[in-house]
Amino acid sequence: MPKSGRQTWVFASAPRVISRATVAGKNESQGPLGTCFDIRHHDDRMGEDTWEHAERALADEAFALALAKANLKPEDIDLVVGADLNAQLISYFFSLRHYAVPAMGMYAACASICQSLAVGALAIDSGMAERVLVGTSSHFSTAERQFRFPTEYGAQKPPSAQRTVTGSGAAVLARTGSPIAITMATVGQVLDYGLESPWEMNAAMAPAAAATIAAHLADTGRTLADYDCVATGDLGFVGHEILCDLLKERGIAVPDNVTDCGMLIFDRNQPEVYSGGSGCACCTMVTFGYLLRKLEEGEWRRILVAATGALLSMVSVQQQDTIPCISHAVVFERKEDGS
């Protein structure tokens, strides 16, 4: 596997996304991308006794559906890579208890899906795996009580807040079998601009997204205009404006093809979405359910997805630490041979 510049991996074999599955919660199902998701629930409790068990059920569905779409069984998979937002990745790891498959947890908060895709593609490109299952999940009610306040408190939120996406997504990567290829991944650096408020994670993450996008362009010699779409993970409306300003300050032209998964998944008129969506499942669901469909249908040829993650925890928030952030980017391209 060659490397381009300091931070960008180039996958010579161009591993393919041979199947993908998305499972959406109630608000996500009612949003503008609702019809793009495979399974749409109208009860975020999922019939479970706790919110954590509900999120686990979402992850279970996404993994099972991704395997079924690829006509594969768990024993056909060489490696599983993924994450969630819960402490110790309990949704991800607990969902794999019945899978006798090598597994790795890839916590990078809301940037976890691009980190997982990068590691999965690397495993295939290096010859360490033939098929890799990747996926993430998140749930509004599990994330709220970890990073802000339990929903039962009824804490009033500022307009800058985002709504954690309830849902899950998974995909199977392989050497051949699809026109959708992963050709590059740019690994981000941890940045901390001194923000402390968990209500302003979008502002905290925007500099990390700008740095990773700038590094990707420097490493590859490309511009944002070389992509049909450039989507950040979940900066929402507030963070997206900050990102565009930061890129322009770096001398990077920002065309109209730059968007954000947190802006796409909800309608601003939906109740309590504030500045848009966030969470491990936000970028995953929008990428697998919507963005890759554009590649599959031939409308787009190449896209850049730069997921963003705020690396705070329950303890760091209570101790009033600032919020370090990271962004990882993945390039998807349509290959006409489909092999």
Protein backbone atom coordinates (compact mmCIF):
# COMPACT_ATOMS: atom_id res chain seq x y z
CA MET A 1 0.00 0.00 0.00
CA PRO A 2 1.61 3.30 -1.06
CA LYS A 3 1.34 6.43 1.05
CA SER A 4 0.71 9.92 -0.29
CA GLY A 5 2.17 12.73 1.78
CA ARG A 6 2.20 12.51 5.55
CA GLN A 7 -1.34 11.47 6.43
CA THR A 8 -3.00 9.81 3.42
CA TRP A 9 -3.11 6.08 2.74
CA VAL A 10 -3.62 4.98 -0.86
CA PHE A 11 -5.27 1.58 -1.32
CA ALA A 12 -3.81 0.06 -4.48
CA SER A 13 -6.36 -2.75 -4.56
CA ALA A 14 -9.31 -0.33 -4.12
CA PRO A 15 -11.38 -2.52 -1.74
CA ARG A 16 -15.08 -2.56 -2.59
CA VAL A 17 -18.21 -1.90 -0.53
CA ILE A 18 -20.21 -4.97 -1.55
CA SER A 19 -23.20 -4.42 0.75
CA ARG A 20 -24.47 -1.82 3.17
CA ALA A 21 -27.38 -1.62 5.60
CA THR A 22 -28.99 1.21 7.56
CA VAL A 23 -31.45 1.14 10.45
CA ALA A 24 -33.16 4.39 11.45
CA GLY A 25 -34.97 5.60 14.56
CA LYS A 26 -38.23 7.54 14.61
CA ASN A 27 -36.99 11.08 13.93
CA GLU A 28 -34.46 9.86 11.37
CA SER A 29 -37.17 7.90 9.54
CA GLN A 30 -39.28 11.05 9.36
CA GLY A 31 -36.41 13.19 8.08
CA PRO A 32 -35.59 14.13 4.47
CA LEU A 33 -33.50 10.97 3.96
CA GLY A 34 -36.00 8.62 5.57
CA THR A 35 -36.73 6.66 2.41
CA CYS A 36 -33.00 6.02 1.91
CA PHE A 37 -32.78 3.82 5.00
CA ASP A 38 -33.43 0.07 4.87
CA ILE A 39 -35.26 -0.34 8.18
CA ARG A 40 -37.30 2.49 9.71
CA HIS A 41 -38.49 2.26 13.31
CA HIS A 42 -41.20 4.36 14.88
CA ASP A 43 -40.40 3.48 18.50
CA ASP A 44 -36.92 4.41 19.69
CA ARG A 45 -37.36 2.05 22.63
CA MET A 46 -37.44 -0.90 20.20
CA GLY A 47 -39.49 -2.85 22.75
CA GLU A 48 -36.44 -3.09 25.00
CA ASP A 49 -36.19 -2.43 28.73
CA THR A 50 -33.34 0.11 28.52
CA TRP A 51 -32.06 2.62 25.98
CA GLU A 52 -28.74 0.78 25.83
CA HIS A 53 -30.49 -2.46 24.95
CA ALA A 54 -32.43 -0.57 22.28
CA GLU A 55 -29.22 0.68 20.70
CA ARG A 56 -27.82 -2.83 20.79
CA ALA A 57 -30.89 -4.03 18.90
CA LEU A 58 -30.24 -1.39 16.23
CA ALA A 59 -26.66 -2.61 15.84
CA ASP A 60 -27.82 -6.23 15.69
CA GLU A 61 -30.19 -5.41 12.83
CA ALA A 62 -27.62 -3.49 10.81
CA PHE A 63 -24.93 -6.17 11.06
CA ALA A 64 -27.37 -8.96 10.22
CA LEU A 65 -28.83 -7.09 7.24
CA ALA A 66 -25.43 -6.17 5.79
CA LEU A 67 -24.42 -9.83 5.90
CA ALA A 68 -27.72 -10.96 4.38
CA LYS A 69 -27.43 -8.46 1.52
CA ALA A 70 -23.98 -9.84 0.72
CA ASN A 71 -25.31 -13.40 1.01
CA LEU A 72 -22.72 -14.11 3.70
CA LYS A 73 -22.66 -15.71 7.14
CA PRO A 74 -20.60 -14.47 10.09
CA GLU A 75 -18.06 -17.24 9.53
CA ASP A 76 -17.40 -15.80 6.06
CA ILE A 77 -16.04 -12.60 7.62
CA ASP A 78 -12.34 -12.27 8.47
CA LEU A 79 -12.61 -9.16 10.64
CA VAL A 80 -15.24 -6.90 12.21
CA VAL A 81 -14.37 -3.26 12.89
CA GLY A 82 -16.68 -0.72 14.47
CA ALA A 83 -17.78 1.39 17.40
CA ASP A 84 -20.51 3.24 19.26
CA LEU A 85 -20.62 6.12 21.74
CA ASN A 86 -21.26 4.13 24.90
CA ALA A 87 -18.49 3.60 27.44
CA GLN A 88 -16.45 0.50 26.57
CA LEU A 89 -18.31 0.25 23.22
CA ILE A 90 -20.99 -1.96 24.77
CA SER A 91 -23.43 -1.73 21.86
CA TYR A 92 -20.79 -2.76 19.34
CA PHE A 93 -19.06 -5.47 21.36
CA PHE A 94 -22.20 -6.93 22.91
CA SER A 95 -23.75 -7.24 19.44
CA LEU A 96 -20.82 -9.45 18.44
CA ARG A 97 -21.16 -11.94 21.28
CA HIS A 98 -22.76 -14.45 18.94
CA TYR A 99 -20.25 -13.89 16.13
CA ALA A 100 -17.17 -16.12 16.25
CA VAL A 101 -15.21 -13.56 14.25
CA PRO A 102 -12.03 -11.55 15.03
CA ALA A 103 -13.12 -8.06 16.09
CA MET A 104 -11.57 -4.67 16.80
CA GLY A 105 -13.17 -1.65 18.48
CA MET A 106 -12.31 1.67 16.84
CA TYR A 107 -13.42 4.49 19.12
CA ALA A 108 -13.06 7.95 17.59
CA ALA A 109 -16.45 9.27 18.76
CA CYS A 110 -18.50 10.41 15.74
CA ALA A 111 -15.48 9.92 13.47
CA SER A 112 -15.49 6.18 14.20
CA ILE A 113 -17.03 5.09 10.91
CA CYS A 114 -14.27 6.60 8.76
CA GLN A 115 -11.64 5.20 11.09
CA SER A 116 -13.30 1.78 10.83
CA LEU A 117 -13.53 1.99 7.04
CA ALA A 118 -9.87 3.00 6.82
CA VAL A 119 -8.72 0.09 8.99
CA GLY A 120 -11.02 -2.34 7.17
CA ALA A 121 -9.74 -1.23 3.77
CA LEU A 122 -6.16 -1.44 5.06
CA ALA A 123 -6.73 -5.02 6.23
CA ILE A 124 -7.96 -6.01 2.76
CA ASP A 125 -5.34 -4.02 0.87
CA SER A 126 -2.53 -5.56 2.93
CA GLY A 127 -3.82 -9.09 2.36
CA MET A 128 -4.71 -9.66 6.02
CA ALA A 129 -8.42 -10.08 5.24
CA GLU A 130 -10.68 -10.95 2.32
CA ARG A 131 -13.94 -9.67 3.80
CA VAL A 132 -14.42 -7.10 6.56
CA LEU A 133 -17.65 -6.06 8.30
CA VAL A 134 -17.72 -2.46 9.54
CA GLY A 135 -20.42 -0.59 11.41
CA THR A 136 -21.42 1.89 14.10
CA SER A 137 -24.49 2.83 16.12
CA SER A 138 -25.74 5.62 18.36
CA HIS A 139 -28.91 6.48 20.25
CA PHE A 140 -30.20 9.86 21.39
CA SER A 141 -31.11 8.68 24.86
CA THR A 142 -27.89 6.75 25.57
CA ALA A 143 -25.63 9.58 24.39
CA GLU A 144 -27.55 12.34 26.20
CA ARG A 145 -27.00 10.88 29.64
CA GLN A 146 -23.36 10.20 28.97
CA PHE A 147 -22.26 13.50 27.50
CA ARG A 148 -24.85 16.00 28.65
CA PHE A 149 -27.89 15.29 30.86
CA PRO A 150 -30.38 12.40 31.03
CA THR A 151 -33.44 13.21 28.95
CA GLU A 152 -35.58 12.90 32.10
CA TYR A 153 -33.98 16.12 33.40
CA GLY A 154 -35.57 18.10 30.60
CA ALA A 155 -32.49 20.32 30.32
CA GLN A 156 -33.03 23.30 28.03
CA LYS A 157 -30.67 23.26 25.06
CA PRO A 158 -29.16 26.20 23.17
CA PRO A 159 -29.60 26.59 19.39
CA SER A 160 -26.00 25.42 18.88
CA ALA A 161 -26.82 21.96 20.29
CA GLN A 162 -27.23 18.95 18.02
CA ARG A 163 -29.46 15.91 18.26
CA THR A 164 -27.71 12.57 18.55
CA VAL A 165 -28.91 10.31 15.74
CA THR A 166 -30.72 7.13 16.73
CA GLY A 167 -29.77 4.40 14.32
CA SER A 168 -27.08 2.11 13.01
CA GLY A 169 -25.27 1.28 9.81
CA ALA A 170 -23.03 -1.51 8.59
CA ALA A 171 -21.21 -2.47 5.41
CA VAL A 172 -19.22 -5.40 4.07
CA LEU A 173 -15.89 -4.68 2.37
CA ALA A 174 -14.24 -7.14 -0.01
CA ARG A 175 -11.66 -7.24 -2.79
CA THR A 176 -14.23 -7.41 -5.60
CA GLY A 177 -17.96 -7.42 -6.18
CA SER A 178 -19.10 -3.80 -6.44
CA PRO A 179 -18.44 -0.60 -8.39
CA ILE A 180 -18.05 1.34 -5.10
CA ALA A 181 -14.36 1.43 -4.16
CA ILE A 182 -12.43 2.87 -1.21
CA THR A 183 -9.32 4.37 -2.75
CA MET A 184 -7.82 6.58 -0.02
CA ALA A 185 -8.03 7.45 3.65
CA THR A 186 -6.56 10.50 5.37
CA VAL A 187 -5.84 9.96 9.06
CA GLY A 188 -6.50 13.01 11.21
CA GLN A 189 -4.66 14.54 14.14
CA VAL A 190 -6.05 15.35 17.58
CA LEU A 191 -6.73 19.10 17.94
CA ASP A 192 -8.03 21.08 20.90
CA TYR A 193 -9.10 24.70 20.50
CA GLY A 194 -10.10 25.14 24.12
CA LEU A 195 -13.89 24.72 24.03
CA GLU A 196 -15.46 23.13 27.11
CA SER A 197 -19.23 23.07 26.50
CA PRO A 198 -20.75 19.75 25.36
CA TRP A 199 -23.43 21.87 23.68
CA GLU A 200 -20.83 23.26 21.26
CA MET A 201 -19.15 20.13 19.94
CA ASN A 202 -19.78 21.36 16.39
CA ALA A 203 -17.54 24.37 16.97
CA ALA A 204 -14.96 22.17 18.67
CA MET A 205 -14.88 19.67 15.77
CA ALA A 206 -14.80 22.13 12.87
CA PRO A 207 -11.04 22.89 13.16
CA ALA A 208 -10.25 19.16 13.08
CA ALA A 209 -12.33 18.73 9.93
CA ALA A 210 -10.63 21.71 8.29
CA ALA A 211 -7.17 20.36 9.19
CA THR A 212 -7.88 16.88 7.81
CA ILE A 213 -9.42 18.19 4.60
CA ALA A 214 -6.46 20.54 4.13
CA ALA A 215 -4.03 17.67 4.76
CA HIS A 216 -5.86 15.49 2.25
CA LEU A 217 -5.68 18.15 -0.44
CA ALA A 218 -1.99 18.80 0.26
CA ASP A 219 -1.16 15.08 0.24
CA THR A 220 -3.02 14.35 -2.99
CA GLY A 221 -2.65 17.60 -4.95
CA ARG A 222 -6.42 17.72 -5.41
CA THR A 223 -8.95 20.48 -4.82
CA LEU A 224 -12.46 20.22 -3.42
CA ALA A 225 -13.73 20.68 -6.98
CA ASP A 226 -12.21 17.29 -7.86
CA TYR A 227 -15.04 15.68 -5.87
CA ASP A 228 -18.72 15.48 -6.69
CA CYS A 229 -19.46 15.78 -2.98
CA VAL A 230 -17.42 16.57 0.13
CA ALA A 231 -19.36 15.66 3.28
CA THR A 232 -18.19 16.20 6.82
CA GLY A 233 -19.40 13.87 9.54
CA ASP A 234 -21.69 15.86 11.74
CA LEU A 235 -20.83 19.49 12.22
CA GLY A 236 -24.43 20.53 11.73
CA PHE A 237 -25.44 23.97 10.49
CA VAL A 238 -23.35 25.92 13.00
CA GLY A 239 -20.21 23.84 12.58
CA HIS A 240 -20.54 23.81 8.80
CA GLU A 241 -20.39 27.61 8.65
CA ILE A 242 -17.30 27.58 10.87
CA LEU A 243 -15.68 24.92 8.66
CA CYS A 244 -16.23 26.95 5.50
CA ASP A 245 -14.69 30.02 7.15
CA LEU A 246 -11.68 28.03 8.35
CA LEU A 247 -11.07 26.53 4.91
CA LYS A 248 -11.27 29.96 3.27
CA GLU A 249 -8.77 31.28 5.81
CA ARG A 250 -6.40 28.54 4.61
CA GLY A 251 -6.86 29.74 1.04
CA ILE A 252 -9.03 26.75 0.07
CA ALA A 253 -11.91 27.53 -2.28
CA VAL A 254 -15.18 26.06 -0.96
CA PRO A 255 -17.55 25.08 -3.79
CA ASP A 256 -21.23 24.31 -3.39
CA ASN A 257 -20.54 20.56 -3.24
CA VAL A 258 -19.38 20.82 0.39
CA THR A 259 -22.08 19.65 2.81
CA ASP A 260 -22.49 17.91 6.16
CA CYS A 261 -24.23 14.70 7.22
CA GLY A 262 -25.67 16.41 10.30
CA MET A 263 -27.42 18.93 8.05
CA LEU A 264 -28.73 16.30 5.66
CA ILE A 265 -30.30 13.80 8.06
CA PHE A 266 -32.85 16.13 9.68
CA ASP A 267 -35.17 18.86 8.47
CA ARG A 268 -34.59 22.02 10.51
CA ASN A 269 -38.34 22.20 11.08
CA GLN A 270 -38.35 18.85 12.88
CA PRO A 271 -38.75 19.26 16.66
CA GLU A 272 -35.63 19.42 18.82
CA VAL A 273 -33.02 18.95 16.09
CA TYR A 274 -31.49 22.39 16.78
CA SER A 275 -28.26 22.67 14.74
CA GLY A 276 -28.63 19.25 13.11
CA GLY A 277 -27.61 15.67 13.74
CA SER A 278 -24.60 14.12 15.42
CA GLY A 279 -23.54 10.73 16.80
CA CYS A 280 -21.72 7.66 15.54
CA ALA A 281 -24.65 6.68 13.34
CA CYS A 282 -25.08 10.09 11.70
CA CYS A 283 -22.23 9.93 9.19
CA THR A 284 -22.67 6.16 8.85
CA MET A 285 -26.33 6.29 7.90
CA VAL A 286 -26.03 9.27 5.55
CA THR A 287 -22.96 7.78 3.85
CA PHE A 288 -24.30 4.24 3.47
CA GLY A 289 -27.93 5.17 2.85
CA TYR A 290 -27.59 8.28 0.68
CA LEU A 291 -24.10 9.26 -0.48
CA LEU A 292 -23.00 5.84 -1.70
CA ARG A 293 -26.31 5.41 -3.50
CA LYS A 294 -25.37 8.40 -5.66
CA LEU A 295 -22.14 6.60 -6.60
CA GLU A 296 -23.93 3.32 -7.18
CA GLU A 297 -26.44 4.93 -9.52
CA GLY A 298 -23.68 6.68 -11.48
CA GLU A 299 -24.78 10.22 -10.60
CA TRP A 300 -21.45 10.83 -8.84
CA ARG A 301 -17.97 9.51 -9.61
CA ARG A 302 -15.93 10.43 -6.54
CA ILE A 303 -16.74 11.68 -3.03
CA LEU A 304 -14.80 12.59 0.10
CA VAL A 305 -16.34 11.83 3.51
CA ALA A 306 -14.60 13.42 6.49
CA ALA A 307 -16.20 12.21 9.72
CA THR A 308 -15.59 14.30 12.84
CA GLY A 309 -15.38 13.25 16.48
CA ALA A 310 -15.39 15.10 19.81
CA LEU A 311 -13.23 13.02 22.15
CA LEU A 312 -14.85 13.99 25.43
CA SER A 313 -16.13 11.59 28.09
CA MET A 314 -18.40 11.62 31.14
CA VAL A 315 -15.37 12.16 33.36
CA SER A 316 -13.75 14.87 31.24
CA VAL A 317 -17.00 16.88 31.12
CA GLN A 318 -17.43 16.66 34.90
CA GLN A 319 -13.85 17.80 35.39
CA GLN A 320 -14.43 20.72 32.98
CA ASP A 321 -11.71 19.65 30.59
CA THR A 322 -11.57 21.15 27.13
CA ILE A 323 -12.71 19.01 24.19
CA PRO A 324 -10.06 17.48 21.91
CA CYS A 325 -11.35 16.49 18.48
CA ILE A 326 -10.34 14.45 15.46
CA SER A 327 -11.45 13.95 11.86
CA HIS A 328 -10.70 11.05 9.52
CA ALA A 329 -11.49 11.17 5.80
CA VAL A 330 -12.23 8.42 3.25
CA VAL A 331 -12.41 8.66 -0.54
CA PHE A 332 -15.05 6.59 -2.33
CA GLU A 333 -14.94 6.22 -6.12
CA ARG A 334 -17.09 4.50 -8.70
CA LYS A 335 -15.14 1.95 -10.75
CA GLU A 336 -16.88 1.08 -13.99
CA ASP A 337 -15.54 -2.47 -14.16
CA GLY A 338 -17.39 -3.28 -10.92
CA SER A 339 -14.91 -6.06 -10.23
